Structure formats: structure tokens, C-alpha cells
C-alpha atoms as a PDB file:
ATOM      1  CA  MET A   1     -28.007 -96.102 -35.772  1.00  0.00           C
ATOM      2  CA  LEU A   2     -29.575 -92.736 -36.490  1.00  0.00           C
ATOM      3  CA  ASN A   3     -27.893 -91.042 -39.394  1.00  0.00           C
ATOM      4  CA  ILE A   4     -27.764 -87.984 -41.609  1.00  0.00           C
ATOM      5  CA  GLY A   5     -31.206 -86.420 -42.050  1.00  0.00           C
ATOM      6  CA  ASP A   6     -32.715 -88.036 -38.935  1.00  0.00           C
ATOM      7  CA  ARG A   7     -34.029 -85.909 -36.089  1.00  0.00           C
ATOM      8  CA  PHE A   8     -31.808 -85.964 -33.007  1.00  0.00           C
ATOM      9  CA  PRO A   9     -33.811 -87.472 -30.117  1.00  0.00           C
ATOM     10  CA  ASP A  10     -35.175 -85.387 -27.281  1.00  0.00           C
ATOM     11  CA  TYR A  11     -33.450 -85.968 -23.957  1.00  0.00           C
ATOM     12  CA  ALA A  12     -33.278 -84.696 -20.388  1.00  0.00           C
ATOM     13  CA  LEU A  13     -29.980 -85.484 -18.657  1.00  0.00           C
ATOM     14  CA  LYS A  14     -27.972 -84.442 -15.621  1.00  0.00           C
ATOM     15  CA  GLY A  15     -24.835 -82.524 -16.435  1.00  0.00           C
ATOM     16  CA  VAL A  16     -21.713 -81.659 -14.490  1.00  0.00           C
ATOM     17  CA  VAL A  17     -20.496 -78.080 -14.975  1.00  0.00           C
ATOM     18  CA  SER A  18     -18.264 -77.483 -11.951  1.00  0.00           C
ATOM     19  CA  THR A  19     -15.981 -79.247  -9.488  1.00  0.00           C
ATOM     20  CA  ASP A  20     -17.830 -77.622  -6.571  1.00  0.00           C
ATOM     21  CA  ILE A  21     -20.529 -80.055  -5.434  1.00  0.00           C
ATOM     22  CA  LYS A  22     -22.792 -77.161  -4.376  1.00  0.00           C
ATOM     23  CA  ASN A  23     -23.280 -76.047  -7.987  1.00  0.00           C
ATOM     24  CA  ALA A  24     -21.876 -78.962  -9.976  1.00  0.00           C
ATOM     25  CA  PHE A  25     -25.114 -80.417 -11.318  1.00  0.00           C
ATOM     26  CA  VAL A  26     -27.570 -79.001 -13.860  1.00  0.00           C
ATOM     27  CA  ASP A  27     -30.506 -80.407 -15.798  1.00  0.00           C
ATOM     28  CA  ILE A  28     -30.018 -80.157 -19.556  1.00  0.00           C
ATOM     29  CA  SER A  29     -32.338 -81.029 -22.417  1.00  0.00           C
ATOM     30  CA  ARG A  30     -32.171 -80.707 -26.184  1.00  0.00           C
ATOM     31  CA  LYS A  31     -34.790 -77.961 -25.965  1.00  0.00           C
ATOM     32  CA  ASP A  32     -32.202 -75.787 -24.193  1.00  0.00           C
ATOM     33  CA  PHE A  33     -30.359 -75.498 -27.509  1.00  0.00           C
ATOM     34  CA  SER A  34     -33.155 -75.055 -30.031  1.00  0.00           C
ATOM     35  CA  ASN A  35     -32.204 -72.786 -32.925  1.00  0.00           C
ATOM     36  CA  LYS A  36     -28.478 -73.413 -32.357  1.00  0.00           C
ATOM     37  CA  TRP A  37     -25.990 -75.837 -33.854  1.00  0.00           C
ATOM     38  CA  GLN A  38     -25.002 -78.606 -31.440  1.00  0.00           C
ATOM     39  CA  VAL A  39     -22.073 -81.010 -31.308  1.00  0.00           C
ATOM     40  CA  TYR A  40     -22.602 -84.074 -29.141  1.00  0.00           C
ATOM     41  CA  PHE A  41     -19.640 -86.314 -28.494  1.00  0.00           C
ATOM     42  CA  PHE A  42     -19.863 -89.570 -26.575  1.00  0.00           C
ATOM     43  CA  TRP A  43     -17.103 -91.464 -24.819  1.00  0.00           C
ATOM     44  CA  PRO A  44     -17.281 -95.005 -23.404  1.00  0.00           C
ATOM     45  CA  LYS A  45     -16.145 -94.661 -19.786  1.00  0.00           C
ATOM     46  CA  ASP A  46     -14.776 -92.199 -17.257  1.00  0.00           C
ATOM     47  CA  PHE A  47     -11.440 -92.957 -15.573  1.00  0.00           C
ATOM     48  CA  THR A  48      -9.991 -94.451 -18.754  1.00  0.00           C
ATOM     49  CA  PHE A  49      -7.038 -93.565 -20.963  1.00  0.00           C
ATOM     50  CA  VAL A  50      -8.142 -92.441 -24.451  1.00  0.00           C
ATOM     51  CA  CYS A  51     -11.247 -90.544 -23.325  1.00  0.00           C
ATOM     52  CA  PRO A  52      -9.588 -87.712 -21.370  1.00  0.00           C
ATOM     53  CA  THR A  53      -7.304 -86.908 -24.313  1.00  0.00           C
ATOM     54  CA  GLU A  54     -10.339 -86.282 -26.508  1.00  0.00           C
ATOM     55  CA  ILE A  55     -12.390 -84.486 -23.859  1.00  0.00           C
ATOM     56  CA  ALA A  56      -9.507 -82.135 -23.055  1.00  0.00           C
ATOM     57  CA  GLU A  57      -8.951 -81.390 -26.751  1.00  0.00           C
ATOM     58  CA  PHE A  58     -12.638 -80.568 -27.234  1.00  0.00           C
ATOM     59  CA  GLY A  59     -12.260 -78.279 -24.207  1.00  0.00           C
ATOM     60  CA  LYS A  60      -9.333 -76.458 -25.832  1.00  0.00           C
ATOM     61  CA  LEU A  61     -11.490 -75.857 -28.919  1.00  0.00           C
ATOM     62  CA  TYR A  62     -14.580 -74.767 -26.979  1.00  0.00           C
ATOM     63  CA  GLU A  63     -14.298 -71.092 -27.959  1.00  0.00           C
ATOM     64  CA  ALA A  64     -13.919 -72.051 -31.606  1.00  0.00           C
ATOM     65  CA  PHE A  65     -17.209 -73.961 -31.376  1.00  0.00           C
ATOM     66  CA  THR A  66     -19.036 -71.184 -29.512  1.00  0.00           C
ATOM     67  CA  ASP A  67     -17.703 -68.616 -32.011  1.00  0.00           C
ATOM     68  CA  ARG A  68     -19.710 -70.630 -34.555  1.00  0.00           C
ATOM     69  CA  ASP A  69     -22.880 -70.357 -32.439  1.00  0.00           C
ATOM     70  CA  THR A  70     -22.561 -74.035 -31.526  1.00  0.00           C
ATOM     71  CA  GLU A  71     -23.162 -75.785 -28.217  1.00  0.00           C
ATOM     72  CA  LEU A  72     -20.625 -78.478 -27.338  1.00  0.00           C
ATOM     73  CA  LEU A  73     -21.835 -81.318 -25.105  1.00  0.00           C
ATOM     74  CA  GLY A  74     -19.925 -84.377 -23.891  1.00  0.00           C
ATOM     75  CA  ILE A  75     -21.780 -87.519 -22.836  1.00  0.00           C
ATOM     76  CA  SER A  76     -21.088 -90.954 -21.395  1.00  0.00           C
ATOM     77  CA  THR A  77     -23.134 -93.617 -19.653  1.00  0.00           C
ATOM     78  CA  ASP A  78     -21.406 -92.935 -16.326  1.00  0.00           C
ATOM     79  CA  SER A  79     -23.373 -91.178 -13.567  1.00  0.00           C
ATOM     80  CA  GLU A  80     -23.074 -87.482 -12.848  1.00  0.00           C
ATOM     81  CA  PHE A  81     -21.308 -88.400  -9.596  1.00  0.00           C
ATOM     82  CA  VAL A  82     -18.645 -90.361 -11.465  1.00  0.00           C
ATOM     83  CA  HIS A  83     -18.248 -87.395 -13.866  1.00  0.00           C
ATOM     84  CA  LEU A  84     -17.796 -85.085 -10.881  1.00  0.00           C
ATOM     85  CA  ALA A  85     -15.200 -87.343  -9.238  1.00  0.00           C
ATOM     86  CA  TRP A  86     -13.260 -87.651 -12.509  1.00  0.00           C
ATOM     87  CA  LYS A  87     -13.441 -83.900 -13.134  1.00  0.00           C
ATOM     88  CA  GLN A  88     -12.160 -83.243  -9.603  1.00  0.00           C
ATOM     89  CA  GLN A  89      -9.309 -85.737  -9.962  1.00  0.00           C
ATOM     90  CA  LYS A  90      -8.089 -85.196 -13.532  1.00  0.00           C
ATOM     91  CA  ASP A  91      -6.287 -81.870 -14.038  1.00  0.00           C
ATOM     92  CA  GLU A  92      -7.092 -81.583 -17.747  1.00  0.00           C
ATOM     93  CA  LEU A  93     -10.833 -82.030 -17.048  1.00  0.00           C
ATOM     94  CA  ARG A  94     -11.129 -79.744 -14.026  1.00  0.00           C
ATOM     95  CA  ASP A  95     -11.930 -76.540 -15.952  1.00  0.00           C
ATOM     96  CA  LEU A  96     -13.909 -77.940 -18.874  1.00  0.00           C
ATOM     97  CA  PRO A  97     -16.108 -75.183 -20.303  1.00  0.00           C
ATOM     98  CA  PHE A  98     -18.890 -77.540 -21.437  1.00  0.00           C
ATOM     99  CA  PRO A  99     -21.136 -79.917 -19.492  1.00  0.00           C
ATOM    100  CA  MET A 100     -20.343 -83.591 -19.030  1.00  0.00           C
ATOM    101  CA  LEU A 101     -23.740 -85.250 -19.393  1.00  0.00           C
ATOM    102  CA  SER A 102     -24.803 -88.519 -17.810  1.00  0.00           C
ATOM    103  CA  ASP A 103     -26.773 -90.988 -19.932  1.00  0.00           C
ATOM    104  CA  LEU A 104     -26.943 -93.399 -17.009  1.00  0.00           C
ATOM    105  CA  LYS A 105     -30.192 -95.027 -18.156  1.00  0.00           C
ATOM    106  CA  ARG A 106     -28.651 -95.390 -21.635  1.00  0.00           C
ATOM    107  CA  GLU A 107     -31.806 -93.977 -23.211  1.00  0.00           C
ATOM    108  CA  LEU A 108     -30.067 -91.471 -25.494  1.00  0.00           C
ATOM    109  CA  SER A 109     -27.298 -93.896 -26.479  1.00  0.00           C
ATOM    110  CA  THR A 110     -29.939 -96.514 -27.281  1.00  0.00           C
ATOM    111  CA  ALA A 111     -32.142 -94.072 -29.232  1.00  0.00           C
ATOM    112  CA  LEU A 112     -29.121 -93.024 -31.303  1.00  0.00           C
ATOM    113  CA  GLY A 113     -28.099 -96.654 -31.863  1.00  0.00           C
ATOM    114  CA  ILE A 114     -24.621 -96.218 -30.388  1.00  0.00           C
ATOM    115  CA  LEU A 115     -24.852 -98.414 -27.291  1.00  0.00           C
ATOM    116  CA  ASP A 116     -22.111-101.042 -27.513  1.00  0.00           C
ATOM    117  CA  GLN A 117     -23.945-104.281 -26.805  1.00  0.00           C
ATOM    118  CA  GLN A 118     -20.872-106.149 -25.603  1.00  0.00           C
ATOM    119  CA  GLU A 119     -19.576-103.467 -23.216  1.00  0.00           C
ATOM    120  CA  GLY A 120     -22.890-101.795 -22.309  1.00  0.00           C
ATOM    121  CA  VAL A 121     -21.443 -98.311 -22.824  1.00  0.00           C
ATOM    122  CA  ALA A 122     -21.795 -95.598 -25.449  1.00  0.00           C
ATOM    123  CA  LYS A 123     -19.582 -96.014 -28.472  1.00  0.00           C
ATOM    124  CA  ARG A 124     -17.078 -93.279 -29.244  1.00  0.00           C
ATOM    125  CA  ALA A 125     -19.432 -91.188 -31.411  1.00  0.00           C
ATOM    126  CA  VAL A 126     -19.971 -87.614 -32.626  1.00  0.00           C
ATOM    127  CA  PHE A 127     -23.159 -86.016 -33.938  1.00  0.00           C
ATOM    128  CA  ILE A 128     -23.391 -82.546 -35.465  1.00  0.00           C
ATOM    129  CA  VAL A 129     -26.977 -81.328 -35.252  1.00  0.00           C
ATOM    130  CA  ASP A 130     -28.290 -78.256 -37.083  1.00  0.00           C
ATOM    131  CA  PRO A 131     -30.540 -75.585 -35.514  1.00  0.00           C
ATOM    132  CA  GLU A 132     -33.651 -77.473 -36.649  1.00  0.00           C
ATOM    133  CA  GLY A 133     -32.567 -80.604 -34.718  1.00  0.00           C
ATOM    134  CA  ILE A 134     -31.513 -82.584 -37.803  1.00  0.00           C
ATOM    135  CA  ILE A 135     -28.380 -84.742 -37.713  1.00  0.00           C
ATOM    136  CA  ARG A 136     -25.960 -83.446 -40.348  1.00  0.00           C
ATOM    137  CA  PHE A 137     -22.824 -85.460 -39.482  1.00  0.00           C
ATOM    138  CA  THR A 138     -22.055 -88.656 -37.607  1.00  0.00           C
ATOM    139  CA  MET A 139     -18.829 -90.432 -36.791  1.00  0.00           C
ATOM    140  CA  VAL A 140     -18.269 -93.555 -34.726  1.00  0.00           C
ATOM    141  CA  THR A 141     -14.857 -95.039 -34.021  1.00  0.00           C
ATOM    142  CA  ASP A 142     -13.628 -98.164 -32.316  1.00  0.00           C
ATOM    143  CA  LEU A 143     -13.620 -97.910 -28.526  1.00  0.00           C
ATOM    144  CA  LYS A 144      -9.808 -97.929 -28.622  1.00  0.00           C
ATOM    145  CA  VAL A 145      -9.350 -95.122 -31.174  1.00  0.00           C
ATOM    146  CA  GLY A 146      -9.598 -91.447 -30.315  1.00  0.00           C
ATOM    147  CA  ARG A 147     -11.193 -88.858 -32.578  1.00  0.00           C
ATOM    148  CA  ASN A 148      -9.820 -85.649 -34.004  1.00  0.00           C
ATOM    149  CA  PRO A 149     -11.842 -82.726 -32.568  1.00  0.00           C
ATOM    150  CA  ARG A 150     -10.272 -80.369 -35.130  1.00  0.00           C
ATOM    151  CA  GLU A 151     -11.829 -82.485 -37.885  1.00  0.00           C
ATOM    152  CA  VAL A 152     -15.221 -82.166 -36.182  1.00  0.00           C
ATOM    153  CA  LEU A 153     -14.743 -78.383 -36.175  1.00  0.00           C
ATOM    154  CA  ARG A 154     -13.708 -78.448 -39.859  1.00  0.00           C
ATOM    155  CA  VAL A 155     -16.853 -80.408 -40.789  1.00  0.00           C
ATOM    156  CA  LEU A 156     -19.001 -77.980 -38.762  1.00  0.00           C
ATOM    157  CA  ASP A 157     -17.449 -75.086 -40.699  1.00  0.00           C
ATOM    158  CA  ALA A 158     -18.215 -76.829 -43.984  1.00  0.00           C
ATOM    159  CA  LEU A 159     -21.804 -77.582 -42.992  1.00  0.00           C
ATOM    160  CA  GLN A 160     -22.377 -73.997 -41.924  1.00  0.00           C
ATOM    161  CA  THR A 161     -21.391 -72.709 -45.376  1.00  0.00           C
ATOM    162  CA  ASP A 162     -24.298 -74.649 -46.911  1.00  0.00           C
ATOM    163  CA  GLU A 163     -22.064 -74.899 -49.997  1.00  0.00           C
ATOM    164  CA  LEU A 164     -20.172 -77.707 -51.731  1.00  0.00           C
ATOM    165  CA  CYS A 165     -16.860 -78.132 -49.904  1.00  0.00           C
ATOM    166  CA  PRO A 166     -14.006 -80.169 -51.400  1.00  0.00           C
ATOM    167  CA  CYS A 167     -11.818 -82.679 -49.617  1.00  0.00           C
ATOM    168  CA  ASN A 168      -9.682 -81.087 -46.873  1.00  0.00           C
ATOM    169  CA  TRP A 169     -11.553 -77.784 -47.233  1.00  0.00           C
ATOM    170  CA  GLN A 170     -10.763 -75.289 -44.467  1.00  0.00           C
ATOM    171  CA  LYS A 171     -12.762 -72.279 -43.266  1.00  0.00           C
ATOM    172  CA  GLY A 172     -12.015 -69.255 -45.420  1.00  0.00           C
ATOM    173  CA  GLU A 173     -11.150 -71.266 -48.516  1.00  0.00           C
ATOM    174  CA  ALA A 174     -13.241 -71.152 -51.671  1.00  0.00           C
ATOM    175  CA  THR A 175     -16.107 -73.588 -51.963  1.00  0.00           C
ATOM    176  CA  LEU A 176     -16.957 -75.412 -55.184  1.00  0.00           C
ATOM    177  CA  VAL A 177     -19.030 -73.732 -57.847  1.00  0.00           C
ATOM    178  CA  VAL A 178     -21.083 -75.888 -60.179  1.00  0.00           C
ATOM    179  CA  ALA A 179     -20.787 -74.546 -63.726  1.00  0.00           C
END
């Protein structure tokens, strides 16, 4: 698995940004977000139970991420057509403000080292990538366990200070000073 300090791989994926099939699909690559922070979060499968709770929560925090000059991108190994159908059917996903990307060929999941070999899907993973394309944070959980998007936002805040941040540090609090 790629880890802290590694360069996030280049990619070119189809994304779903609307429920209207006429303008639902866009092409997205890592180059679209050069010089910006990026948060990539992967979920195993569409039309499941844990995944929409996380995706919807990331959606609720979208403005908080963009206020930090950060692009938020959700990804699974399902096709863009499956993403569209799920977005159209599931109320809490209908108005997501970020793209749902399709890693159908599993190239990005494989390059990152997060493809679950037994299930053949992306593991439940998060990567925070700095403006230079370097991975600064990773988290992978069991397929059955949802993440805490607020914790991802807290870690992003800490990374953006470029200071030493103690346990449970929150934005606006003092950072550590080495004497």
C-alpha cells in the first residue's frame, strides 16, 4: 500500500456529478487538482448499507473541505452508470456536491494497494494529498466499519498548519512549541 510521503498516482476516471443523464458524466484526472489539497475516499460497493452513511456525511462537510482549498473526491470500483443509478435512487446521495468516481478497471485501487483481493473491490480507505501530490495521511478500515469524516477534516486542518499538533487537536487551538 502506498503510504505517507509517496506520490499519489496519476489517474483519469469517469465521474458522476448530476442525476441528469445529459450532464451526469465528466472526465476527471489528478492533474485537474494540481496545487490544491485533495481528499480521496474509497468505498467498497454501491447499493450497500455502510457506504451511503459515509458518503452523505462527507457531502454534509463539503463546504468545510472547500473552505480549506481542498477537493473532495469519492471513488469505488463500480461503473459510472451504477453510481448514477444509486445517486438517482438514494435520497441522501442525490445532491452530492462532489464527484463519485468510477475505478472500474481497478487501476487506481491497485496502484494505491487498497484493492481487496478476496472481494475484488476497493477497501474503505482515505488519502489526504498535499498540493504537490504527496500523500500526507492514509486510513483504511475493515469493509464493515464506517469512517469518521469529521476526523478526516480534523487531520486535514492539522496538516495544513504545518506545525506539531497534539492528540485531539482542533482547528483554532494552540499547536505545540518545541522549547
